[in-house]
Amino acid sequence: MQKLVIFDLDGTLIDTVSLFISSISSVLETMGQPVPEERVIRSISGLGFQIGLRRIAPGLEESRIDELISLYQREVLSRTKISRQEELFTGALDTLHNLHGRDDFVMAVATGKAAASTNRVLDFHQLKGLFTSIHTPDTNLAKPNPDMVFNAMNIVDVAPERTVMIGDTTHDMEMARNAGVHALGVTWGYHEPDELEAAGAHLIIDEMDQLIGAIEQLNGA
């Protein structure tokens, strides 16, 4: 019987922490907005981008949100062209191919990244063919709403007890718990282990090479 593994992207498979923080900070400065502490910027990773921006720039007029998003997208593209700051974490590619090669697992993506950015980074790393479905806030309710997880499960007809959501933020853990699936936290991304635990992680790992074993443990393999 197949099991579903759902991956977050930023901070889980893709190393974007420094890119995200530096790009957000630069754009806020450009728009004359105060730049929050790094921990505050980290806290919005995984949310729908508009939701996150409203949290860290509450004084920004609604009419300027689209301007901020546009500036951020251009800033990210500029920085990635220069320094390739959207690399896969070490071991991620091997882990994904190992899971994809097994008959007992299927994989999906549930990310707070916009669809255009998601497609760009998945195409760059040639990952799209590994996933049965890809879910973004463009066509789903944003984390921690369980909409993306429910839709991923429905596509492959896998029950919650056979599904694991893997992520690095409290929003991922809350989404997993809201969907009634296993919540697997990783510590190499945006949020701290104690935050993941408080958000309901069933299991937390520190190394990529622990991931497949952790999935099997949660799924009773």
N, C-alpha and C. Protein backbone atom coordinates (compact mmCIF):
# COMPACT_ATOMS: atom_id res chain seq x y z
N MET A 1 0.84 -1.19 0.00
CA MET A 1 0.00 0.00 0.00
C MET A 1 0.89 1.26 0.00
N GLN A 2 0.64 2.14 -0.95
CA GLN A 2 1.50 3.32 -1.08
C GLN A 2 1.32 4.32 0.05
N LYS A 3 2.39 5.06 0.30
CA LYS A 3 2.41 6.12 1.30
C LYS A 3 2.82 7.41 0.62
N LEU A 4 2.30 8.50 1.13
CA LEU A 4 2.56 9.82 0.52
C LEU A 4 3.53 10.61 1.38
N VAL A 5 4.55 11.16 0.75
CA VAL A 5 5.50 12.04 1.41
C VAL A 5 5.38 13.42 0.77
N ILE A 6 5.03 14.43 1.56
CA ILE A 6 4.85 15.78 1.05
C ILE A 6 6.00 16.65 1.56
N PHE A 7 6.68 17.30 0.64
CA PHE A 7 7.82 18.14 0.99
C PHE A 7 7.49 19.63 0.87
N ASP A 8 7.90 20.39 1.87
CA ASP A 8 8.05 21.82 1.72
C ASP A 8 9.30 22.03 0.86
N LEU A 9 9.46 23.25 0.31
CA LEU A 9 10.66 23.52 -0.49
C LEU A 9 11.69 24.37 0.25
N ASP A 10 11.40 25.66 0.43
CA ASP A 10 12.38 26.57 1.02
C ASP A 10 12.72 26.17 2.45
N GLY A 11 14.00 25.95 2.72
CA GLY A 11 14.44 25.58 4.05
C GLY A 11 14.34 24.10 4.34
N THR A 12 13.73 23.34 3.42
CA THR A 12 13.61 21.89 3.59
C THR A 12 14.40 21.16 2.53
N LEU A 13 14.12 21.46 1.26
CA LEU A 13 14.90 20.89 0.16
C LEU A 13 15.86 21.92 -0.45
N ILE A 14 15.42 23.18 -0.48
CA ILE A 14 16.18 24.25 -1.13
C ILE A 14 16.73 25.20 -0.07
N ASP A 15 18.02 25.50 -0.16
CA ASP A 15 18.66 26.37 0.82
C ASP A 15 18.49 27.83 0.42
N THR A 16 17.45 28.47 0.95
CA THR A 16 17.13 29.85 0.57
C THR A 16 17.17 30.82 1.75
N VAL A 17 17.65 30.38 2.90
CA VAL A 17 17.53 31.21 4.11
C VAL A 17 18.23 32.56 3.92
N SER A 18 19.50 32.55 3.52
CA SER A 18 20.22 33.82 3.37
C SER A 18 19.63 34.65 2.24
N LEU A 19 19.21 33.99 1.16
CA LEU A 19 18.59 34.70 0.04
C LEU A 19 17.31 35.40 0.47
N PHE A 20 16.47 34.70 1.20
CA PHE A 20 15.18 35.24 1.64
C PHE A 20 15.38 36.44 2.56
N ILE A 21 16.24 36.29 3.55
CA ILE A 21 16.45 37.35 4.53
C ILE A 21 17.07 38.58 3.88
N SER A 22 18.09 38.38 3.06
CA SER A 22 18.76 39.52 2.44
C SER A 22 17.87 40.22 1.43
N SER A 23 17.08 39.45 0.68
CA SER A 23 16.20 40.06 -0.32
C SER A 23 15.07 40.84 0.33
N ILE A 24 14.45 40.26 1.34
CA ILE A 24 13.38 40.97 2.06
C ILE A 24 13.93 42.26 2.67
N SER A 25 15.07 42.17 3.31
CA SER A 25 15.66 43.34 3.97
C SER A 25 15.95 44.44 2.97
N SER A 26 16.53 44.07 1.83
CA SER A 26 16.88 45.05 0.81
C SER A 26 15.65 45.75 0.26
N VAL A 27 14.60 44.98 -0.01
CA VAL A 27 13.39 45.56 -0.60
C VAL A 27 12.67 46.47 0.40
N LEU A 28 12.62 46.07 1.65
CA LEU A 28 11.99 46.92 2.66
C LEU A 28 12.73 48.24 2.79
N GLU A 29 14.06 48.19 2.76
CA GLU A 29 14.86 49.41 2.82
C GLU A 29 14.56 50.30 1.61
N THR A 30 14.50 49.69 0.44
CA THR A 30 14.22 50.44 -0.79
C THR A 30 12.88 51.17 -0.71
N MET A 31 11.92 50.53 -0.06
CA MET A 31 10.58 51.12 0.03
C MET A 31 10.40 52.01 1.26
N GLY A 32 11.50 52.23 1.99
CA GLY A 32 11.42 53.11 3.14
C GLY A 32 10.71 52.52 4.34
N GLN A 33 10.69 51.18 4.41
CA GLN A 33 10.04 50.48 5.51
C GLN A 33 11.08 50.01 6.52
N PRO A 34 10.73 49.96 7.80
CA PRO A 34 11.66 49.42 8.79
C PRO A 34 11.95 47.95 8.53
N VAL A 35 13.19 47.54 8.76
CA VAL A 35 13.58 46.15 8.55
C VAL A 35 13.53 45.42 9.88
N PRO A 36 12.68 44.40 10.01
CA PRO A 36 12.58 43.67 11.28
C PRO A 36 13.84 42.87 11.58
N GLU A 37 13.94 42.36 12.80
CA GLU A 37 15.02 41.46 13.16
C GLU A 37 14.95 40.20 12.31
N GLU A 38 16.10 39.55 12.18
CA GLU A 38 16.16 38.35 11.34
C GLU A 38 15.15 37.29 11.77
N ARG A 39 14.98 37.11 13.08
CA ARG A 39 14.06 36.07 13.57
C ARG A 39 12.63 36.36 13.12
N VAL A 40 12.27 37.64 13.00
CA VAL A 40 10.93 38.01 12.56
C VAL A 40 10.77 37.70 11.08
N ILE A 41 11.79 37.99 10.28
CA ILE A 41 11.73 37.66 8.85
C ILE A 41 11.66 36.15 8.67
N ARG A 42 12.46 35.42 9.45
CA ARG A 42 12.41 33.96 9.38
C ARG A 42 11.02 33.41 9.68
N SER A 43 10.31 34.09 10.57
CA SER A 43 9.03 33.57 11.05
C SER A 43 7.97 33.50 9.96
N ILE A 44 8.11 34.28 8.89
CA ILE A 44 7.06 34.30 7.87
C ILE A 44 7.33 33.31 6.74
N SER A 45 8.50 32.66 6.74
CA SER A 45 8.77 31.69 5.69
C SER A 45 7.75 30.55 5.75
N GLY A 46 7.23 30.20 4.59
CA GLY A 46 6.26 29.12 4.53
C GLY A 46 4.84 29.60 4.43
N LEU A 47 4.59 30.84 4.86
CA LEU A 47 3.26 31.41 4.70
C LEU A 47 3.09 31.86 3.25
N GLY A 48 1.85 32.08 2.84
CA GLY A 48 1.66 32.77 1.58
C GLY A 48 2.37 34.12 1.65
N PHE A 49 3.01 34.53 0.55
CA PHE A 49 3.89 35.70 0.61
C PHE A 49 3.14 36.96 1.02
N GLN A 50 1.95 37.17 0.50
CA GLN A 50 1.20 38.37 0.86
C GLN A 50 0.86 38.39 2.34
N ILE A 51 0.50 37.23 2.88
CA ILE A 51 0.20 37.13 4.32
C ILE A 51 1.44 37.49 5.13
N GLY A 52 2.57 36.93 4.73
CA GLY A 52 3.82 37.19 5.44
C GLY A 52 4.22 38.65 5.39
N LEU A 53 4.09 39.25 4.22
CA LEU A 53 4.46 40.67 4.08
C LEU A 53 3.62 41.56 4.97
N ARG A 54 2.38 41.26 5.08
CA ARG A 54 1.51 42.08 5.93
C ARG A 54 1.91 41.97 7.40
N ARG A 55 2.51 40.85 7.76
CA ARG A 55 2.97 40.68 9.15
C ARG A 55 4.23 41.49 9.45
N ILE A 56 5.13 41.54 8.48
CA ILE A 56 6.40 42.22 8.76
C ILE A 56 6.39 43.68 8.30
N ALA A 57 5.40 44.07 7.51
CA ALA A 57 5.28 45.47 7.09
C ALA A 57 3.85 45.94 7.28
N PRO A 58 3.38 45.93 8.53
CA PRO A 58 1.97 46.26 8.79
C PRO A 58 1.60 47.71 8.44
N GLY A 59 2.63 48.58 8.38
CA GLY A 59 2.35 49.97 8.07
C GLY A 59 2.30 50.27 6.59
N LEU A 60 2.58 49.28 5.75
CA LEU A 60 2.61 49.50 4.31
C LEU A 60 1.18 49.56 3.76
N GLU A 61 0.94 50.60 2.94
CA GLU A 61 -0.38 50.74 2.36
C GLU A 61 -0.71 49.55 1.46
N GLU A 62 -1.98 49.15 1.47
CA GLU A 62 -2.42 47.99 0.68
C GLU A 62 -2.04 48.16 -0.79
N SER A 63 -2.11 49.38 -1.28
CA SER A 63 -1.83 49.65 -2.69
C SER A 63 -0.37 49.40 -3.06
N ARG A 64 0.51 49.31 -2.05
CA ARG A 64 1.94 49.13 -2.32
C ARG A 64 2.42 47.69 -2.11
N ILE A 65 1.51 46.80 -1.69
CA ILE A 65 1.89 45.40 -1.48
C ILE A 65 2.36 44.77 -2.78
N ASP A 66 1.63 45.01 -3.87
CA ASP A 66 2.02 44.44 -5.16
C ASP A 66 3.38 44.98 -5.61
N GLU A 67 3.64 46.25 -5.31
CA GLU A 67 4.93 46.85 -5.64
C GLU A 67 6.05 46.14 -4.88
N LEU A 68 5.82 45.88 -3.61
CA LEU A 68 6.83 45.20 -2.79
C LEU A 68 7.09 43.80 -3.33
N ILE A 69 6.03 43.08 -3.68
CA ILE A 69 6.17 41.72 -4.20
C ILE A 69 6.97 41.73 -5.50
N SER A 70 6.67 42.68 -6.38
CA SER A 70 7.37 42.78 -7.65
C SER A 70 8.85 43.07 -7.44
N LEU A 71 9.14 44.00 -6.52
CA LEU A 71 10.54 44.32 -6.22
C LEU A 71 11.26 43.10 -5.64
N TYR A 72 10.59 42.37 -4.76
CA TYR A 72 11.19 41.17 -4.16
C TYR A 72 11.50 40.13 -5.23
N GLN A 73 10.57 39.89 -6.12
CA GLN A 73 10.79 38.88 -7.16
C GLN A 73 11.97 39.25 -8.05
N ARG A 74 12.09 40.53 -8.39
CA ARG A 74 13.23 40.98 -9.20
C ARG A 74 14.54 40.85 -8.42
N GLU A 75 14.49 41.17 -7.13
CA GLU A 75 15.68 41.07 -6.29
C GLU A 75 16.17 39.63 -6.19
N VAL A 76 15.24 38.70 -6.01
CA VAL A 76 15.60 37.28 -5.91
C VAL A 76 16.21 36.79 -7.21
N LEU A 77 15.59 37.13 -8.33
CA LEU A 77 16.12 36.70 -9.62
C LEU A 77 17.52 37.26 -9.85
N SER A 78 17.71 38.52 -9.49
CA SER A 78 19.02 39.14 -9.64
C SER A 78 20.08 38.44 -8.80
N ARG A 79 19.75 38.17 -7.55
CA ARG A 79 20.72 37.55 -6.65
C ARG A 79 21.02 36.10 -7.05
N THR A 80 20.02 35.37 -7.50
CA THR A 80 20.25 33.97 -7.86
C THR A 80 21.10 33.87 -9.13
N LYS A 81 20.96 34.81 -10.04
CA LYS A 81 21.79 34.80 -11.24
C LYS A 81 23.25 35.04 -10.90
N ILE A 82 23.48 35.87 -9.88
CA ILE A 82 24.84 36.22 -9.50
C ILE A 82 25.50 35.13 -8.67
N SER A 83 24.75 34.60 -7.67
CA SER A 83 25.41 33.74 -6.68
C SER A 83 24.78 32.37 -6.50
N ARG A 84 23.77 32.02 -7.32
CA ARG A 84 23.15 30.69 -7.24
C ARG A 84 22.75 30.36 -5.81
N GLN A 85 21.92 31.20 -5.22
CA GLN A 85 21.54 31.02 -3.82
C GLN A 85 20.29 30.15 -3.61
N GLU A 86 19.94 29.34 -4.60
CA GLU A 86 18.81 28.43 -4.43
C GLU A 86 19.27 26.99 -4.65
N GLU A 87 20.37 26.64 -4.04
CA GLU A 87 20.91 25.29 -4.19
C GLU A 87 20.14 24.30 -3.32
N LEU A 88 20.15 23.05 -3.75
CA LEU A 88 19.60 21.98 -2.92
C LEU A 88 20.50 21.76 -1.71
N PHE A 89 19.89 21.44 -0.58
CA PHE A 89 20.69 21.04 0.57
C PHE A 89 21.46 19.76 0.23
N THR A 90 22.62 19.62 0.83
CA THR A 90 23.45 18.43 0.61
C THR A 90 22.66 17.16 0.94
N GLY A 91 22.62 16.24 0.03
CA GLY A 91 21.93 14.97 0.24
C GLY A 91 20.48 14.97 -0.20
N ALA A 92 19.92 16.14 -0.51
CA ALA A 92 18.50 16.21 -0.86
C ALA A 92 18.20 15.46 -2.16
N LEU A 93 19.04 15.67 -3.17
CA LEU A 93 18.78 15.04 -4.46
C LEU A 93 18.82 13.52 -4.36
N ASP A 94 19.83 12.98 -3.68
CA ASP A 94 19.92 11.53 -3.50
C ASP A 94 18.72 11.00 -2.73
N THR A 95 18.29 11.74 -1.70
CA THR A 95 17.14 11.31 -0.91
C THR A 95 15.88 11.26 -1.76
N LEU A 96 15.66 12.28 -2.56
CA LEU A 96 14.48 12.32 -3.43
C LEU A 96 14.50 11.18 -4.44
N HIS A 97 15.64 10.92 -5.03
CA HIS A 97 15.72 9.84 -6.02
C HIS A 97 15.56 8.47 -5.36
N ASN A 98 16.06 8.31 -4.15
CA ASN A 98 15.87 7.06 -3.43
C ASN A 98 14.40 6.79 -3.15
N LEU A 99 13.70 7.83 -2.72
CA LEU A 99 12.26 7.68 -2.44
C LEU A 99 11.49 7.42 -3.73
N HIS A 100 11.85 8.15 -4.78
CA HIS A 100 11.15 8.01 -6.06
C HIS A 100 11.34 6.61 -6.64
N GLY A 101 12.46 5.99 -6.34
CA GLY A 101 12.74 4.66 -6.86
C GLY A 101 12.05 3.53 -6.12
N ARG A 102 11.35 3.86 -5.05
CA ARG A 102 10.67 2.83 -4.26
C ARG A 102 9.20 2.71 -4.67
N ASP A 103 8.67 1.49 -4.61
CA ASP A 103 7.28 1.26 -4.99
C ASP A 103 6.29 1.67 -3.91
N ASP A 104 6.78 1.83 -2.68
CA ASP A 104 5.85 2.07 -1.56
C ASP A 104 5.66 3.55 -1.25
N PHE A 105 6.31 4.45 -1.99
CA PHE A 105 6.19 5.88 -1.72
C PHE A 105 5.84 6.65 -2.99
N VAL A 106 5.00 7.67 -2.82
CA VAL A 106 4.83 8.72 -3.84
C VAL A 106 5.10 10.04 -3.14
N MET A 107 5.48 11.05 -3.93
CA MET A 107 5.88 12.33 -3.34
C MET A 107 5.11 13.49 -3.95
N ALA A 108 4.93 14.54 -3.13
CA ALA A 108 4.29 15.77 -3.57
C ALA A 108 5.01 16.95 -2.94
N VAL A 109 4.69 18.15 -3.41
CA VAL A 109 5.24 19.39 -2.87
C VAL A 109 4.10 20.25 -2.35
N ALA A 110 4.29 20.83 -1.17
CA ALA A 110 3.35 21.82 -0.62
C ALA A 110 4.20 22.98 -0.11
N THR A 111 4.17 24.09 -0.81
CA THR A 111 5.09 25.19 -0.52
C THR A 111 4.37 26.52 -0.43
N GLY A 112 4.95 27.42 0.33
CA GLY A 112 4.45 28.79 0.39
C GLY A 112 4.95 29.63 -0.76
N LYS A 113 5.83 29.09 -1.57
CA LYS A 113 6.39 29.78 -2.74
C LYS A 113 5.29 29.98 -3.79
N ALA A 114 5.33 31.09 -4.49
CA ALA A 114 4.40 31.30 -5.59
C ALA A 114 4.67 30.28 -6.70
N ALA A 115 3.64 30.01 -7.51
CA ALA A 115 3.77 28.98 -8.54
C ALA A 115 4.90 29.27 -9.52
N ALA A 116 5.04 30.52 -9.94
CA ALA A 116 6.09 30.86 -10.91
C ALA A 116 7.47 30.57 -10.35
N SER A 117 7.71 30.96 -9.09
CA SER A 117 9.00 30.71 -8.46
C SER A 117 9.22 29.22 -8.21
N THR A 118 8.15 28.53 -7.83
CA THR A 118 8.24 27.09 -7.60
C THR A 118 8.63 26.35 -8.87
N ASN A 119 7.95 26.68 -9.96
CA ASN A 119 8.24 26.03 -11.24
C ASN A 119 9.67 26.33 -11.69
N ARG A 120 10.11 27.58 -11.47
CA ARG A 120 11.46 27.96 -11.88
C ARG A 120 12.52 27.13 -11.15
N VAL A 121 12.38 27.01 -9.83
CA VAL A 121 13.42 26.30 -9.07
C VAL A 121 13.34 24.79 -9.30
N LEU A 122 12.14 24.24 -9.47
CA LEU A 122 12.02 22.81 -9.74
C LEU A 122 12.57 22.48 -11.13
N ASP A 123 12.30 23.35 -12.09
CA ASP A 123 12.85 23.13 -13.43
C ASP A 123 14.38 23.23 -13.42
N PHE A 124 14.90 24.20 -12.69
CA PHE A 124 16.35 24.39 -12.63
C PHE A 124 17.05 23.13 -12.10
N HIS A 125 16.45 22.52 -11.07
CA HIS A 125 17.05 21.33 -10.47
C HIS A 125 16.53 20.03 -11.08
N GLN A 126 15.68 20.13 -12.10
CA GLN A 126 15.12 18.97 -12.80
C GLN A 126 14.43 18.00 -11.83
N LEU A 127 13.53 18.57 -11.02
CA LEU A 127 12.86 17.78 -9.98
C LEU A 127 11.39 17.49 -10.27
N LYS A 128 10.80 18.18 -11.23
CA LYS A 128 9.35 18.08 -11.40
C LYS A 128 8.84 16.66 -11.58
N GLY A 129 9.59 15.86 -12.33
CA GLY A 129 9.14 14.52 -12.62
C GLY A 129 9.12 13.58 -11.43
N LEU A 130 9.68 14.02 -10.30
CA LEU A 130 9.71 13.19 -9.10
C LEU A 130 8.43 13.26 -8.29
N PHE A 131 7.60 14.28 -8.56
CA PHE A 131 6.43 14.54 -7.72
C PHE A 131 5.12 14.27 -8.46
N THR A 132 4.18 13.67 -7.74
CA THR A 132 2.86 13.42 -8.33
C THR A 132 2.02 14.69 -8.42
N SER A 133 2.28 15.66 -7.55
CA SER A 133 1.56 16.93 -7.59
C SER A 133 2.35 18.01 -6.89
N ILE A 134 2.10 19.25 -7.28
CA ILE A 134 2.79 20.41 -6.72
C ILE A 134 1.74 21.44 -6.32
N HIS A 135 1.80 21.87 -5.06
CA HIS A 135 0.75 22.74 -4.52
C HIS A 135 1.34 24.04 -3.99
N THR A 136 0.78 25.15 -4.43
CA THR A 136 1.24 26.48 -4.03
C THR A 136 0.04 27.31 -3.59
N PRO A 137 0.29 28.47 -2.96
CA PRO A 137 -0.82 29.33 -2.54
C PRO A 137 -1.60 29.95 -3.71
N ASP A 138 -1.08 29.84 -4.94
CA ASP A 138 -1.80 30.39 -6.09
C ASP A 138 -3.16 29.71 -6.28
N THR A 139 -3.23 28.42 -5.98
CA THR A 139 -4.46 27.67 -6.21
C THR A 139 -4.94 26.92 -4.98
N ASN A 140 -4.34 27.19 -3.83
CA ASN A 140 -4.70 26.55 -2.57
C ASN A 140 -4.71 27.60 -1.47
N LEU A 141 -5.41 27.32 -0.38
CA LEU A 141 -5.31 28.17 0.79
C LEU A 141 -3.92 28.03 1.39
N ALA A 142 -3.39 29.13 1.92
CA ALA A 142 -2.01 29.15 2.41
C ALA A 142 -1.88 28.40 3.73
N LYS A 143 -0.64 27.95 4.01
CA LYS A 143 -0.33 27.34 5.30
C LYS A 143 -0.65 28.35 6.42
N PRO A 144 -1.09 27.86 7.56
CA PRO A 144 -1.20 26.46 8.00
C PRO A 144 -2.54 25.79 7.69
N ASN A 145 -3.36 26.40 6.82
CA ASN A 145 -4.57 25.72 6.38
C ASN A 145 -4.18 24.39 5.72
N PRO A 146 -4.92 23.31 5.96
CA PRO A 146 -4.53 22.00 5.44
C PRO A 146 -4.88 21.74 3.98
N ASP A 147 -5.36 22.77 3.28
CA ASP A 147 -5.85 22.61 1.92
C ASP A 147 -4.84 21.91 1.00
N MET A 148 -3.58 22.33 1.03
CA MET A 148 -2.59 21.73 0.15
C MET A 148 -2.38 20.25 0.44
N VAL A 149 -2.37 19.89 1.71
CA VAL A 149 -2.19 18.49 2.09
C VAL A 149 -3.40 17.65 1.66
N PHE A 150 -4.60 18.16 1.90
CA PHE A 150 -5.80 17.44 1.48
C PHE A 150 -5.80 17.20 -0.03
N ASN A 151 -5.45 18.23 -0.79
CA ASN A 151 -5.45 18.08 -2.24
C ASN A 151 -4.39 17.09 -2.71
N ALA A 152 -3.23 17.11 -2.07
CA ALA A 152 -2.18 16.15 -2.43
C ALA A 152 -2.63 14.71 -2.14
N MET A 153 -3.29 14.51 -1.00
CA MET A 153 -3.78 13.17 -0.66
C MET A 153 -4.87 12.71 -1.60
N ASN A 154 -5.77 13.62 -1.97
CA ASN A 154 -6.89 13.25 -2.84
C ASN A 154 -6.41 12.80 -4.22
N ILE A 155 -5.36 13.42 -4.73
CA ILE A 155 -4.87 13.09 -6.07
C ILE A 155 -4.38 11.66 -6.14
N VAL A 156 -3.76 11.16 -5.08
CA VAL A 156 -3.22 9.80 -5.11
C VAL A 156 -4.02 8.83 -4.24
N ASP A 157 -5.10 9.34 -3.64
CA ASP A 157 -5.99 8.51 -2.81
C ASP A 157 -5.23 7.80 -1.69
N VAL A 158 -4.48 8.60 -0.94
CA VAL A 158 -3.75 8.08 0.22
C VAL A 158 -4.34 8.69 1.48
N ALA A 159 -4.55 7.86 2.50
CA ALA A 159 -5.18 8.30 3.75
C ALA A 159 -4.20 9.10 4.61
N PRO A 160 -4.72 9.91 5.53
CA PRO A 160 -3.86 10.72 6.40
C PRO A 160 -2.84 9.90 7.19
N GLU A 161 -3.24 8.72 7.67
CA GLU A 161 -2.32 7.94 8.49
C GLU A 161 -1.16 7.37 7.68
N ARG A 162 -1.22 7.46 6.34
CA ARG A 162 -0.12 7.00 5.49
C ARG A 162 0.59 8.18 4.82
N THR A 163 0.39 9.37 5.40
CA THR A 163 0.96 10.59 4.81
C THR A 163 1.87 11.29 5.81
N VAL A 164 3.03 11.73 5.32
CA VAL A 164 3.98 12.49 6.14
C VAL A 164 4.23 13.84 5.47
N MET A 165 4.09 14.91 6.24
CA MET A 165 4.43 16.25 5.78
C MET A 165 5.79 16.62 6.37
N ILE A 166 6.74 17.00 5.50
CA ILE A 166 8.09 17.32 5.94
C ILE A 166 8.34 18.81 5.73
N GLY A 167 8.75 19.50 6.80
CA GLY A 167 9.02 20.92 6.66
C GLY A 167 9.91 21.45 7.75
N ASP A 168 10.33 22.70 7.57
CA ASP A 168 11.27 23.33 8.50
C ASP A 168 10.65 24.45 9.32
N THR A 169 9.33 24.71 9.13
CA THR A 169 8.69 25.81 9.84
C THR A 169 7.51 25.34 10.67
N THR A 170 7.13 26.19 11.61
CA THR A 170 5.94 25.91 12.42
C THR A 170 4.70 25.83 11.55
N HIS A 171 4.67 26.58 10.45
CA HIS A 171 3.51 26.58 9.56
C HIS A 171 3.33 25.21 8.91
N ASP A 172 4.46 24.55 8.59
CA ASP A 172 4.39 23.19 8.04
C ASP A 172 3.85 22.20 9.07
N MET A 173 4.33 22.32 10.30
CA MET A 173 3.89 21.41 11.35
C MET A 173 2.41 21.61 11.68
N GLU A 174 2.00 22.87 11.73
CA GLU A 174 0.59 23.17 12.01
C GLU A 174 -0.32 22.68 10.88
N MET A 175 0.14 22.85 9.64
CA MET A 175 -0.63 22.37 8.49
C MET A 175 -0.79 20.85 8.57
N ALA A 176 0.29 20.16 8.90
CA ALA A 176 0.24 18.70 9.01
C ALA A 176 -0.74 18.27 10.09
N ARG A 177 -0.65 18.90 11.25
CA ARG A 177 -1.56 18.55 12.35
C ARG A 177 -3.00 18.87 11.98
N ASN A 178 -3.20 20.00 11.31
CA ASN A 178 -4.56 20.37 10.89
C ASN A 178 -5.15 19.38 9.89
N ALA A 179 -4.27 18.72 9.13
CA ALA A 179 -4.73 17.74 8.14
C ALA A 179 -4.80 16.33 8.72
N GLY A 180 -4.30 16.15 9.94
CA GLY A 180 -4.33 14.83 10.57
C GLY A 180 -3.28 13.88 10.03
N VAL A 181 -2.16 14.45 9.49
CA VAL A 181 -1.09 13.60 8.97
C VAL A 181 0.13 13.70 9.88
N HIS A 182 1.13 12.87 9.62
CA HIS A 182 2.36 12.89 10.40
C HIS A 182 3.16 14.16 10.08
N ALA A 183 3.68 14.79 11.12
CA ALA A 183 4.45 16.02 10.97
C ALA A 183 5.92 15.75 11.28
N LEU A 184 6.77 15.87 10.25
CA LEU A 184 8.20 15.62 10.40
C LEU A 184 8.96 16.93 10.23
N GLY A 185 9.60 17.39 11.30
CA GLY A 185 10.33 18.65 11.26
C GLY A 185 11.80 18.45 10.99
N VAL A 186 12.39 19.39 10.24
CA VAL A 186 13.84 19.37 9.98
C VAL A 186 14.45 20.65 10.52
N THR A 187 15.67 20.54 11.06
CA THR A 187 16.25 21.66 11.80
C THR A 187 17.22 22.51 11.00
N TRP A 188 17.38 22.22 9.70
CA TRP A 188 18.39 22.95 8.91
C TRP A 188 17.79 24.14 8.16
N GLY A 189 16.53 24.50 8.46
CA GLY A 189 15.89 25.58 7.74
C GLY A 189 15.66 26.84 8.55
N TYR A 190 14.42 27.33 8.54
CA TYR A 190 14.09 28.65 9.07
C TYR A 190 13.78 28.68 10.57
N HIS A 191 13.15 27.65 11.11
CA HIS A 191 12.68 27.70 12.49
C HIS A 191 13.46 26.74 13.39
N GLU A 192 13.51 27.11 14.67
CA GLU A 192 14.29 26.36 15.65
C GLU A 192 13.57 25.08 16.08
N PRO A 193 14.33 24.07 16.57
CA PRO A 193 13.70 22.81 16.99
C PRO A 193 12.61 22.98 18.05
N ASP A 194 12.82 23.89 19.02
CA ASP A 194 11.79 24.06 20.05
C ASP A 194 10.52 24.64 19.47
N GLU A 195 10.65 25.47 18.43
CA GLU A 195 9.47 26.01 17.76
C GLU A 195 8.72 24.92 17.01
N LEU A 196 9.46 24.04 16.35
CA LEU A 196 8.83 22.94 15.63
C LEU A 196 8.11 22.00 16.59
N GLU A 197 8.74 21.72 17.71
CA GLU A 197 8.13 20.84 18.72
C GLU A 197 6.85 21.46 19.27
N ALA A 198 6.90 22.76 19.57
CA ALA A 198 5.73 23.45 20.11
C ALA A 198 4.59 23.49 19.10
N ALA A 199 4.94 23.48 17.81
CA ALA A 199 3.93 23.54 16.75
C ALA A 199 3.32 22.17 16.45
N GLY A 200 3.84 21.12 17.10
CA GLY A 200 3.20 19.81 16.96
C GLY A 200 3.96 18.78 16.16
N ALA A 201 5.26 18.99 15.93
CA ALA A 201 6.04 17.99 15.19
C ALA A 201 6.00 16.65 15.92
N HIS A 202 5.72 15.58 15.18
CA HIS A 202 5.75 14.25 15.77
C HIS A 202 7.18 13.74 15.91
N LEU A 203 8.06 14.22 15.04
CA LEU A 203 9.45 13.80 15.04
C LEU A 203 10.27 14.93 14.42
N ILE A 204 11.49 15.14 14.94
CA ILE A 204 12.37 16.18 14.42
C ILE A 204 13.73 15.56 14.14
N ILE A 205 14.29 15.88 12.96
CA ILE A 205 15.60 15.34 12.61
C ILE A 205 16.58 16.47 12.30
N ASP A 206 17.88 16.16 12.43
CA ASP A 206 18.93 17.16 12.26
C ASP A 206 19.76 16.96 11.00
N GLU A 207 19.65 15.81 10.36
CA GLU A 207 20.48 15.51 9.20
C GLU A 207 19.62 14.94 8.08
N MET A 208 19.98 15.28 6.83
CA MET A 208 19.23 14.80 5.68
C MET A 208 19.25 13.28 5.60
N ASP A 209 20.37 12.66 6.00
CA ASP A 209 20.45 11.21 5.87
C ASP A 209 19.58 10.47 6.88
N GLN A 210 18.95 11.20 7.80
CA GLN A 210 17.99 10.61 8.74
C GLN A 210 16.57 10.59 8.19
N LEU A 211 16.36 11.23 7.05
CA LEU A 211 15.00 11.52 6.60
C LEU A 211 14.21 10.27 6.23
N ILE A 212 14.78 9.40 5.43
CA ILE A 212 14.02 8.22 5.00
C ILE A 212 13.70 7.33 6.20
N GLY A 213 14.64 7.15 7.10
CA GLY A 213 14.37 6.37 8.30
C GLY A 213 13.27 6.98 9.15
N ALA A 214 13.24 8.31 9.22
CA ALA A 214 12.20 8.99 10.00
C ALA A 214 10.84 8.82 9.35
N ILE A 215 10.78 8.88 8.03
CA ILE A 215 9.52 8.65 7.32
C ILE A 215 9.01 7.26 7.60
N GLU A 216 9.89 6.28 7.52
CA GLU A 216 9.51 4.89 7.78
C GLU A 216 9.05 4.73 9.23
N GLN A 217 9.71 5.39 10.14
CA GLN A 217 9.32 5.28 11.54
C GLN A 217 7.91 5.84 11.77
N LEU A 218 7.64 7.00 11.18
CA LEU A 218 6.32 7.60 11.36
C LEU A 218 5.22 6.79 10.69
N ASN A 219 5.56 6.15 9.57
CA ASN A 219 4.56 5.38 8.85
C ASN A 219 4.51 3.92 9.29
N GLY A 220 5.29 3.60 10.31
CA GLY A 220 5.26 2.23 10.84
C GLY A 220 5.88 1.20 9.92
N ALA A 221 6.79 1.66 9.04
CA ALA A 221 7.42 0.71 8.11
C ALA A 221 8.44 -0.15 8.83
